[in-house]
Amino acid sequence: MVSSAVARPIQLVSRVMQWTSAVIVMGITSYFINKGPRGQHLIFTEVISTLSVVFFLPAFVSPFMPTALGKFVLLIDVVFSYLWLTSFIFAAQDYNESNCYWNSPARESCSKKKANEAFIFLAFIFTFFGMFLEVLGLWAYRRENPTPPVREKTGGAHGGPADAPVAEA
């Protein structure tokens, strides 16, 4: 079984790769938007990468505070994994149809487009793996730190709460 001491560094490396890929995609896509026509797919990728850079920041802390941030980060991973997959599909359609040089954004080198597509895929795959690593980290933490059983107060001999005064009959 995996302990949280093993899960934390793996989560952290995955989060660094996830965030770095999002920053690189944001930079390349910003370059494309600055240089040429601004298609809907480019704007979508730019919005997703910019939001990812902001929303992935709590993920750096979540391995060390699994109870406070774990579920929030897991929700972010689920949502953004689908958004990154959509962005990758858009990039694959834009950069791999017919002649790459003339497809959106036109007259930009294919190597930059392929690099953008590759980093979009990396952002997706690290977000997807991060989702499972977050669940693994939460599971390891809960296994190592079980919650004590909850005991309910039972009624006293007179039928009321144990700390209530006894009514005289």
N, C-alpha and C. Protein backbone atom coordinates (compact mmCIF):
# COMPACT_ATOMS: atom_id res chain seq x y z
N MET A 1 0.83 -1.18 0.00
CA MET A 1 0.00 0.00 0.00
C MET A 1 0.88 1.25 0.00
N VAL A 2 0.36 2.29 -0.57
CA VAL A 2 1.10 3.55 -0.69
C VAL A 2 0.87 4.40 0.55
N SER A 3 1.95 4.95 1.06
CA SER A 3 1.82 5.86 2.20
C SER A 3 1.79 7.29 1.69
N SER A 4 1.38 8.19 2.56
CA SER A 4 1.34 9.59 2.15
C SER A 4 2.74 10.16 1.96
N ALA A 5 3.74 9.56 2.61
CA ALA A 5 5.13 10.00 2.42
C ALA A 5 5.60 9.72 0.99
N VAL A 6 5.07 8.69 0.37
CA VAL A 6 5.41 8.37 -1.01
C VAL A 6 4.51 9.16 -1.97
N ALA A 7 3.24 9.30 -1.62
CA ALA A 7 2.28 9.97 -2.51
C ALA A 7 2.57 11.47 -2.65
N ARG A 8 3.03 12.11 -1.58
CA ARG A 8 3.24 13.57 -1.63
C ARG A 8 4.25 14.00 -2.69
N PRO A 9 5.47 13.41 -2.72
CA PRO A 9 6.41 13.87 -3.75
C PRO A 9 5.93 13.59 -5.18
N ILE A 10 5.24 12.46 -5.36
CA ILE A 10 4.72 12.15 -6.69
C ILE A 10 3.67 13.18 -7.08
N GLN A 11 2.79 13.53 -6.15
CA GLN A 11 1.78 14.56 -6.41
C GLN A 11 2.44 15.89 -6.74
N LEU A 12 3.45 16.24 -5.97
CA LEU A 12 4.10 17.54 -6.17
C LEU A 12 4.79 17.62 -7.54
N VAL A 13 5.47 16.55 -7.95
CA VAL A 13 6.11 16.53 -9.27
C VAL A 13 5.06 16.65 -10.37
N SER A 14 3.97 15.92 -10.21
CA SER A 14 2.88 16.00 -11.19
C SER A 14 2.30 17.41 -11.25
N ARG A 15 2.14 18.04 -10.11
CA ARG A 15 1.58 19.41 -10.07
C ARG A 15 2.53 20.42 -10.72
N VAL A 16 3.82 20.25 -10.50
CA VAL A 16 4.79 21.16 -11.12
C VAL A 16 4.75 21.02 -12.64
N MET A 17 4.69 19.77 -13.12
CA MET A 17 4.62 19.54 -14.56
C MET A 17 3.31 20.08 -15.15
N GLN A 18 2.24 19.90 -14.41
CA GLN A 18 0.92 20.37 -14.84
C GLN A 18 0.93 21.90 -14.98
N TRP A 19 1.41 22.58 -13.96
CA TRP A 19 1.42 24.04 -13.95
C TRP A 19 2.39 24.58 -15.00
N THR A 20 3.56 23.95 -15.13
CA THR A 20 4.55 24.40 -16.11
C THR A 20 4.02 24.26 -17.53
N SER A 21 3.36 23.14 -17.80
CA SER A 21 2.77 22.95 -19.13
C SER A 21 1.72 24.01 -19.42
N ALA A 22 0.91 24.34 -18.43
CA ALA A 22 -0.12 25.37 -18.62
C ALA A 22 0.52 26.74 -18.89
N VAL A 23 1.61 27.04 -18.21
CA VAL A 23 2.30 28.32 -18.42
C VAL A 23 2.89 28.38 -19.83
N ILE A 24 3.48 27.28 -20.28
CA ILE A 24 4.07 27.25 -21.63
C ILE A 24 2.98 27.40 -22.69
N VAL A 25 1.86 26.70 -22.50
CA VAL A 25 0.74 26.83 -23.45
C VAL A 25 0.23 28.27 -23.45
N MET A 26 0.14 28.87 -22.28
CA MET A 26 -0.31 30.26 -22.20
C MET A 26 0.63 31.17 -22.98
N GLY A 27 1.93 30.95 -22.87
CA GLY A 27 2.90 31.77 -23.59
C GLY A 27 2.83 31.60 -25.09
N ILE A 28 2.81 30.36 -25.55
CA ILE A 28 2.76 30.11 -27.00
C ILE A 28 1.45 30.62 -27.60
N THR A 29 0.36 30.36 -26.91
CA THR A 29 -0.94 30.81 -27.42
C THR A 29 -1.03 32.33 -27.42
N SER A 30 -0.48 32.97 -26.41
CA SER A 30 -0.45 34.44 -26.39
C SER A 30 0.35 34.98 -27.57
N TYR A 31 1.44 34.31 -27.89
CA TYR A 31 2.24 34.69 -29.05
C TYR A 31 1.41 34.59 -30.33
N PHE A 32 0.68 33.48 -30.48
CA PHE A 32 -0.17 33.31 -31.67
C PHE A 32 -1.24 34.39 -31.74
N ILE A 33 -1.85 34.70 -30.63
CA ILE A 33 -2.91 35.73 -30.61
C ILE A 33 -2.33 37.10 -30.95
N ASN A 34 -1.13 37.38 -30.46
CA ASN A 34 -0.47 38.66 -30.73
C ASN A 34 -0.08 38.79 -32.20
N LYS A 35 0.34 37.70 -32.82
CA LYS A 35 0.86 37.75 -34.18
C LYS A 35 -0.19 37.68 -35.28
N GLY A 36 -1.29 36.99 -35.03
CA GLY A 36 -2.17 36.76 -36.16
C GLY A 36 -3.63 36.80 -35.80
N PRO A 37 -4.43 36.21 -36.68
CA PRO A 37 -5.88 36.19 -36.45
C PRO A 37 -6.22 35.40 -35.19
N ARG A 38 -7.25 35.86 -34.53
CA ARG A 38 -7.63 35.27 -33.24
C ARG A 38 -8.86 34.39 -33.43
N GLY A 39 -8.61 33.11 -33.67
CA GLY A 39 -9.72 32.18 -33.84
C GLY A 39 -10.31 31.77 -32.51
N GLN A 40 -11.48 31.17 -32.57
CA GLN A 40 -12.17 30.74 -31.35
C GLN A 40 -11.37 29.69 -30.59
N HIS A 41 -10.71 28.80 -31.32
CA HIS A 41 -9.94 27.75 -30.65
C HIS A 41 -8.76 28.34 -29.89
N LEU A 42 -8.13 29.34 -30.47
CA LEU A 42 -7.01 29.99 -29.77
C LEU A 42 -7.48 30.70 -28.51
N ILE A 43 -8.59 31.38 -28.61
CA ILE A 43 -9.13 32.09 -27.44
C ILE A 43 -9.50 31.08 -26.36
N PHE A 44 -10.12 29.96 -26.75
CA PHE A 44 -10.48 28.92 -25.78
C PHE A 44 -9.24 28.40 -25.07
N THR A 45 -8.19 28.10 -25.84
CA THR A 45 -6.95 27.58 -25.25
C THR A 45 -6.32 28.62 -24.34
N GLU A 46 -6.36 29.87 -24.74
CA GLU A 46 -5.79 30.93 -23.90
C GLU A 46 -6.54 31.06 -22.58
N VAL A 47 -7.85 31.02 -22.64
CA VAL A 47 -8.66 31.14 -21.42
C VAL A 47 -8.39 29.95 -20.50
N ILE A 48 -8.37 28.74 -21.05
CA ILE A 48 -8.14 27.55 -20.24
C ILE A 48 -6.75 27.59 -19.62
N SER A 49 -5.74 27.97 -20.38
CA SER A 49 -4.39 28.00 -19.82
C SER A 49 -4.25 29.07 -18.75
N THR A 50 -4.85 30.22 -18.95
CA THR A 50 -4.77 31.29 -17.94
C THR A 50 -5.51 30.91 -16.67
N LEU A 51 -6.70 30.34 -16.81
CA LEU A 51 -7.44 29.89 -15.62
C LEU A 51 -6.70 28.76 -14.91
N SER A 52 -6.06 27.90 -15.68
CA SER A 52 -5.31 26.80 -15.08
C SER A 52 -4.15 27.29 -14.24
N VAL A 53 -3.45 28.30 -14.74
CA VAL A 53 -2.31 28.84 -13.99
C VAL A 53 -2.78 29.34 -12.62
N VAL A 54 -3.95 29.92 -12.57
CA VAL A 54 -4.48 30.44 -11.30
C VAL A 54 -5.05 29.31 -10.44
N PHE A 55 -5.90 28.47 -11.03
CA PHE A 55 -6.60 27.45 -10.25
C PHE A 55 -5.71 26.28 -9.85
N PHE A 56 -4.57 26.10 -10.51
CA PHE A 56 -3.68 25.01 -10.13
C PHE A 56 -2.79 25.37 -8.94
N LEU A 57 -2.77 26.62 -8.53
CA LEU A 57 -1.92 27.02 -7.40
C LEU A 57 -2.28 26.30 -6.09
N PRO A 58 -3.56 26.14 -5.74
CA PRO A 58 -3.86 25.39 -4.51
C PRO A 58 -3.40 23.93 -4.57
N ALA A 59 -3.21 23.41 -5.77
CA ALA A 59 -2.78 22.03 -5.91
C ALA A 59 -1.35 21.82 -5.41
N PHE A 60 -0.55 22.88 -5.36
CA PHE A 60 0.79 22.76 -4.81
C PHE A 60 0.76 22.51 -3.31
N VAL A 61 -0.27 22.98 -2.65
CA VAL A 61 -0.39 22.85 -1.19
C VAL A 61 -1.18 21.61 -0.80
N SER A 62 -2.02 21.12 -1.69
CA SER A 62 -2.93 20.02 -1.33
C SER A 62 -2.23 18.74 -0.86
N PRO A 63 -1.02 18.38 -1.33
CA PRO A 63 -0.39 17.19 -0.76
C PRO A 63 -0.06 17.34 0.73
N PHE A 64 0.09 18.56 1.19
CA PHE A 64 0.47 18.80 2.58
C PHE A 64 -0.73 19.13 3.46
N MET A 65 -1.86 19.45 2.86
CA MET A 65 -3.10 19.73 3.59
C MET A 65 -4.25 18.97 2.93
N PRO A 66 -4.23 17.63 2.97
CA PRO A 66 -5.21 16.87 2.20
C PRO A 66 -6.65 17.06 2.65
N THR A 67 -6.87 17.29 3.92
CA THR A 67 -8.27 17.42 4.36
C THR A 67 -8.86 18.76 3.97
N ALA A 68 -8.05 19.81 3.99
CA ALA A 68 -8.57 21.15 3.72
C ALA A 68 -8.78 21.40 2.23
N LEU A 69 -7.85 20.95 1.39
CA LEU A 69 -7.90 21.31 -0.03
C LEU A 69 -8.15 20.13 -0.96
N GLY A 70 -8.05 18.92 -0.47
CA GLY A 70 -8.09 17.75 -1.34
C GLY A 70 -9.31 17.66 -2.23
N LYS A 71 -10.49 17.86 -1.66
CA LYS A 71 -11.72 17.73 -2.45
C LYS A 71 -11.87 18.88 -3.45
N PHE A 72 -11.44 20.08 -3.05
CA PHE A 72 -11.49 21.24 -3.95
C PHE A 72 -10.57 21.03 -5.14
N VAL A 73 -9.35 20.57 -4.87
CA VAL A 73 -8.39 20.33 -5.94
C VAL A 73 -8.85 19.18 -6.83
N LEU A 74 -9.46 18.18 -6.25
CA LEU A 74 -9.99 17.07 -7.04
C LEU A 74 -11.08 17.56 -8.00
N LEU A 75 -11.94 18.42 -7.53
CA LEU A 75 -12.98 18.99 -8.39
C LEU A 75 -12.36 19.81 -9.53
N ILE A 76 -11.35 20.59 -9.22
CA ILE A 76 -10.65 21.37 -10.25
C ILE A 76 -10.02 20.43 -11.28
N ASP A 77 -9.42 19.34 -10.81
CA ASP A 77 -8.80 18.39 -11.74
C ASP A 77 -9.83 17.75 -12.67
N VAL A 78 -10.98 17.39 -12.13
CA VAL A 78 -12.02 16.77 -12.96
C VAL A 78 -12.47 17.75 -14.04
N VAL A 79 -12.77 18.97 -13.65
CA VAL A 79 -13.26 19.97 -14.61
C VAL A 79 -12.18 20.31 -15.64
N PHE A 80 -10.97 20.60 -15.18
CA PHE A 80 -9.93 21.04 -16.11
C PHE A 80 -9.40 19.91 -16.98
N SER A 81 -9.50 18.67 -16.54
CA SER A 81 -9.05 17.58 -17.42
C SER A 81 -9.92 17.54 -18.68
N TYR A 82 -11.21 17.74 -18.53
CA TYR A 82 -12.09 17.78 -19.70
C TYR A 82 -11.84 19.03 -20.55
N LEU A 83 -11.59 20.15 -19.91
CA LEU A 83 -11.31 21.37 -20.67
C LEU A 83 -10.00 21.24 -21.46
N TRP A 84 -8.97 20.66 -20.84
CA TRP A 84 -7.71 20.46 -21.54
C TRP A 84 -7.85 19.44 -22.67
N LEU A 85 -8.66 18.41 -22.46
CA LEU A 85 -8.90 17.44 -23.53
C LEU A 85 -9.58 18.12 -24.72
N THR A 86 -10.54 18.97 -24.44
CA THR A 86 -11.21 19.72 -25.51
C THR A 86 -10.22 20.62 -26.24
N SER A 87 -9.37 21.28 -25.50
CA SER A 87 -8.37 22.15 -26.11
C SER A 87 -7.40 21.34 -26.97
N PHE A 88 -7.03 20.15 -26.51
CA PHE A 88 -6.15 19.29 -27.30
C PHE A 88 -6.82 18.86 -28.60
N ILE A 89 -8.09 18.53 -28.52
CA ILE A 89 -8.83 18.13 -29.73
C ILE A 89 -8.88 19.30 -30.72
N PHE A 90 -9.14 20.50 -30.22
CA PHE A 90 -9.13 21.68 -31.09
C PHE A 90 -7.76 21.87 -31.75
N ALA A 91 -6.70 21.75 -30.96
CA ALA A 91 -5.35 21.93 -31.50
C ALA A 91 -5.03 20.85 -32.53
N ALA A 92 -5.41 19.62 -32.26
CA ALA A 92 -5.15 18.54 -33.21
C ALA A 92 -5.90 18.78 -34.52
N GLN A 93 -7.12 19.26 -34.43
CA GLN A 93 -7.87 19.57 -35.65
C GLN A 93 -7.24 20.75 -36.41
N ASP A 94 -6.84 21.76 -35.67
CA ASP A 94 -6.28 22.96 -36.32
C ASP A 94 -4.90 22.72 -36.92
N TYR A 95 -4.04 21.97 -36.24
CA TYR A 95 -2.65 21.86 -36.65
C TYR A 95 -2.36 20.64 -37.50
N ASN A 96 -3.26 19.68 -37.60
CA ASN A 96 -2.97 18.45 -38.31
C ASN A 96 -3.81 18.25 -39.57
N GLU A 97 -4.69 19.17 -39.86
CA GLU A 97 -5.46 19.08 -41.10
C GLU A 97 -4.65 19.67 -42.24
N SER A 98 -4.63 18.98 -43.36
CA SER A 98 -3.95 19.40 -44.58
C SER A 98 -2.60 20.06 -44.29
N ASN A 99 -2.41 21.29 -44.71
CA ASN A 99 -1.13 21.97 -44.55
C ASN A 99 -1.12 22.77 -43.25
N CYS A 100 -0.26 22.39 -42.34
CA CYS A 100 -0.18 23.02 -41.01
C CYS A 100 0.11 24.52 -41.12
N TYR A 101 0.92 24.91 -42.09
CA TYR A 101 1.35 26.31 -42.21
C TYR A 101 0.17 27.25 -42.45
N TRP A 102 -0.84 26.80 -43.18
CA TRP A 102 -1.95 27.67 -43.54
C TRP A 102 -3.14 27.57 -42.59
N ASN A 103 -3.11 26.63 -41.69
CA ASN A 103 -4.22 26.49 -40.73
C ASN A 103 -4.00 27.41 -39.54
N SER A 104 -5.04 27.58 -38.78
CA SER A 104 -5.08 28.54 -37.67
C SER A 104 -3.95 28.32 -36.67
N PRO A 105 -3.22 29.32 -36.34
CA PRO A 105 -3.09 30.64 -36.95
C PRO A 105 -2.23 30.55 -38.21
N ALA A 106 -2.70 31.15 -39.25
CA ALA A 106 -2.03 31.06 -40.56
C ALA A 106 -0.68 31.76 -40.55
N ARG A 107 0.21 31.24 -41.37
CA ARG A 107 1.56 31.79 -41.59
C ARG A 107 2.45 31.76 -40.35
N GLU A 108 2.17 30.89 -39.42
CA GLU A 108 3.07 30.66 -38.28
C GLU A 108 3.72 29.30 -38.49
N SER A 109 4.93 29.15 -38.01
CA SER A 109 5.67 27.91 -38.26
C SER A 109 4.97 26.71 -37.61
N CYS A 110 5.07 25.59 -38.30
CA CYS A 110 4.43 24.37 -37.81
C CYS A 110 5.09 23.88 -36.53
N SER A 111 6.37 24.16 -36.35
CA SER A 111 7.05 23.69 -35.14
C SER A 111 6.46 24.34 -33.89
N LYS A 112 6.11 25.61 -33.98
CA LYS A 112 5.47 26.27 -32.83
C LYS A 112 4.08 25.70 -32.57
N LYS A 113 3.36 25.41 -33.63
CA LYS A 113 2.02 24.84 -33.48
C LYS A 113 2.10 23.44 -32.88
N LYS A 114 3.05 22.65 -33.34
CA LYS A 114 3.21 21.29 -32.80
C LYS A 114 3.68 21.34 -31.35
N ALA A 115 4.53 22.30 -31.02
CA ALA A 115 4.96 22.45 -29.63
C ALA A 115 3.78 22.83 -28.74
N ASN A 116 2.94 23.73 -29.23
CA ASN A 116 1.75 24.11 -28.48
C ASN A 116 0.84 22.90 -28.28
N GLU A 117 0.64 22.13 -29.33
CA GLU A 117 -0.19 20.93 -29.25
C GLU A 117 0.39 19.93 -28.24
N ALA A 118 1.71 19.76 -28.26
CA ALA A 118 2.35 18.82 -27.33
C ALA A 118 2.19 19.27 -25.88
N PHE A 119 2.36 20.55 -25.62
CA PHE A 119 2.22 21.02 -24.24
C PHE A 119 0.76 21.04 -23.79
N ILE A 120 -0.16 21.23 -24.73
CA ILE A 120 -1.58 21.10 -24.38
C ILE A 120 -1.86 19.67 -23.95
N PHE A 121 -1.30 18.70 -24.69
CA PHE A 121 -1.49 17.30 -24.31
C PHE A 121 -0.85 17.02 -22.95
N LEU A 122 0.34 17.56 -22.71
CA LEU A 122 0.98 17.35 -21.40
C LEU A 122 0.16 17.96 -20.28
N ALA A 123 -0.39 19.14 -20.51
CA ALA A 123 -1.25 19.75 -19.48
C ALA A 123 -2.45 18.86 -19.21
N PHE A 124 -3.03 18.30 -20.27
CA PHE A 124 -4.17 17.39 -20.09
C PHE A 124 -3.76 16.14 -19.32
N ILE A 125 -2.69 15.50 -19.73
CA ILE A 125 -2.34 14.21 -19.13
C ILE A 125 -1.90 14.37 -17.68
N PHE A 126 -1.19 15.46 -17.36
CA PHE A 126 -0.80 15.67 -15.97
C PHE A 126 -2.00 16.08 -15.11
N THR A 127 -2.96 16.75 -15.69
CA THR A 127 -4.20 17.05 -14.95
C THR A 127 -4.99 15.78 -14.72
N PHE A 128 -5.05 14.93 -15.73
CA PHE A 128 -5.76 13.66 -15.61
C PHE A 128 -5.10 12.76 -14.57
N PHE A 129 -3.77 12.64 -14.63
CA PHE A 129 -3.06 11.83 -13.63
C PHE A 129 -3.14 12.48 -12.26
N GLY A 130 -3.12 13.81 -12.21
CA GLY A 130 -3.24 14.51 -10.94
C GLY A 130 -4.52 14.20 -10.22
N MET A 131 -5.58 13.97 -10.98
CA MET A 131 -6.87 13.60 -10.41
C MET A 131 -6.74 12.28 -9.64
N PHE A 132 -6.11 11.30 -10.26
CA PHE A 132 -5.93 10.00 -9.60
C PHE A 132 -4.93 10.07 -8.46
N LEU A 133 -3.89 10.88 -8.63
CA LEU A 133 -2.92 11.04 -7.55
C LEU A 133 -3.53 11.74 -6.34
N GLU A 134 -4.45 12.65 -6.58
CA GLU A 134 -5.14 13.33 -5.48
C GLU A 134 -6.00 12.33 -4.70
N VAL A 135 -6.70 11.47 -5.41
CA VAL A 135 -7.50 10.43 -4.75
C VAL A 135 -6.59 9.49 -3.97
N LEU A 136 -5.46 9.12 -4.56
CA LEU A 136 -4.49 8.26 -3.88
C LEU A 136 -3.95 8.92 -2.62
N GLY A 137 -3.64 10.21 -2.71
CA GLY A 137 -3.15 10.94 -1.54
C GLY A 137 -4.20 11.05 -0.45
N LEU A 138 -5.44 11.32 -0.82
CA LEU A 138 -6.53 11.37 0.17
C LEU A 138 -6.74 10.01 0.81
N TRP A 139 -6.68 8.96 0.01
CA TRP A 139 -6.87 7.61 0.54
C TRP A 139 -5.74 7.25 1.51
N ALA A 140 -4.49 7.56 1.14
CA ALA A 140 -3.35 7.26 2.01
C ALA A 140 -3.44 8.04 3.32
N TYR A 141 -3.84 9.30 3.23
CA TYR A 141 -3.96 10.12 4.44
C TYR A 141 -5.04 9.56 5.37
N ARG A 142 -6.17 9.20 4.81
CA ARG A 142 -7.26 8.68 5.64
C ARG A 142 -6.93 7.31 6.23
N ARG A 143 -6.14 6.53 5.50
CA ARG A 143 -5.74 5.23 6.02
C ARG A 143 -4.76 5.39 7.18
N GLU A 144 -3.89 6.38 7.11
CA GLU A 144 -2.90 6.62 8.16
C GLU A 144 -3.49 7.38 9.34
N ASN A 145 -4.52 8.18 9.12
CA ASN A 145 -5.13 8.99 10.17
C ASN A 145 -6.62 8.67 10.27
N PRO A 146 -6.94 7.52 10.84
CA PRO A 146 -8.37 7.18 10.93
C PRO A 146 -9.08 8.11 11.90
N THR A 147 -10.32 8.38 11.59
CA THR A 147 -11.11 9.23 12.49
C THR A 147 -11.59 8.38 13.65
N PRO A 148 -11.58 8.93 14.85
CA PRO A 148 -12.06 8.15 16.00
C PRO A 148 -13.56 7.90 15.87
N PRO A 149 -14.02 6.78 16.42
CA PRO A 149 -15.46 6.51 16.32
C PRO A 149 -16.26 7.57 17.07
N VAL A 150 -17.38 7.91 16.52
CA VAL A 150 -18.26 8.91 17.14
C VAL A 150 -19.16 8.19 18.12
N ARG A 151 -19.19 8.68 19.35
CA ARG A 151 -20.06 8.09 20.36
C ARG A 151 -21.18 9.06 20.66
N GLU A 152 -22.35 8.54 20.64
CA GLU A 152 -23.50 9.38 20.95
C GLU A 152 -23.80 9.29 22.43
N LYS A 153 -24.31 10.39 22.95
CA LYS A 153 -24.72 10.37 24.35
C LYS A 153 -25.98 9.54 24.47
N THR A 154 -26.00 8.74 25.48
CA THR A 154 -27.21 7.95 25.72
C THR A 154 -27.92 8.53 26.93
N GLY A 155 -29.16 8.26 27.00
CA GLY A 155 -29.95 8.79 28.11
C GLY A 155 -29.48 8.22 29.45
N GLY A 156 -29.65 8.99 30.50
CA GLY A 156 -29.30 8.52 31.85
C GLY A 156 -30.37 7.56 32.37
N ALA A 157 -30.28 7.22 33.62
CA ALA A 157 -31.21 6.27 34.23
C ALA A 157 -32.63 6.79 34.23
N HIS A 158 -32.78 8.11 34.24
CA HIS A 158 -34.11 8.70 34.29
C HIS A 158 -34.68 8.97 32.90
N GLY A 159 -33.97 8.59 31.83
CA GLY A 159 -34.50 8.73 30.48
C GLY A 159 -34.08 10.00 29.78
N GLY A 160 -33.58 11.01 30.47
CA GLY A 160 -33.15 12.26 29.86
C GLY A 160 -31.66 12.22 29.57
N PRO A 161 -31.10 13.33 29.16
CA PRO A 161 -29.66 13.39 28.94
C PRO A 161 -28.91 13.09 30.23
N ALA A 162 -27.70 12.56 30.07
CA ALA A 162 -26.93 12.13 31.23
C ALA A 162 -26.59 13.29 32.16
N ASP A 163 -26.47 14.50 31.64
CA ASP A 163 -26.10 15.63 32.49
C ASP A 163 -27.30 16.47 32.94
N ALA A 164 -28.51 16.04 32.66
CA ALA A 164 -29.71 16.79 33.05
C ALA A 164 -30.08 16.45 34.50
N PRO A 165 -30.63 17.43 35.21
CA PRO A 165 -31.05 17.14 36.59
C PRO A 165 -32.24 16.17 36.59
N VAL A 166 -32.27 15.37 37.60
CA VAL A 166 -33.34 14.38 37.73
C VAL A 166 -34.59 15.07 38.26
N ALA A 167 -35.69 14.90 37.56
CA ALA A 167 -36.96 15.50 38.00
C ALA A 167 -37.55 14.64 39.11
N GLU A 168 -38.06 15.32 40.13
CA GLU A 168 -38.66 14.57 41.24
C GLU A 168 -40.07 14.17 40.88
N ALA A 169 -40.41 12.97 41.24
CA ALA A 169 -41.72 12.44 40.89
C ALA A 169 -42.77 12.72 41.92
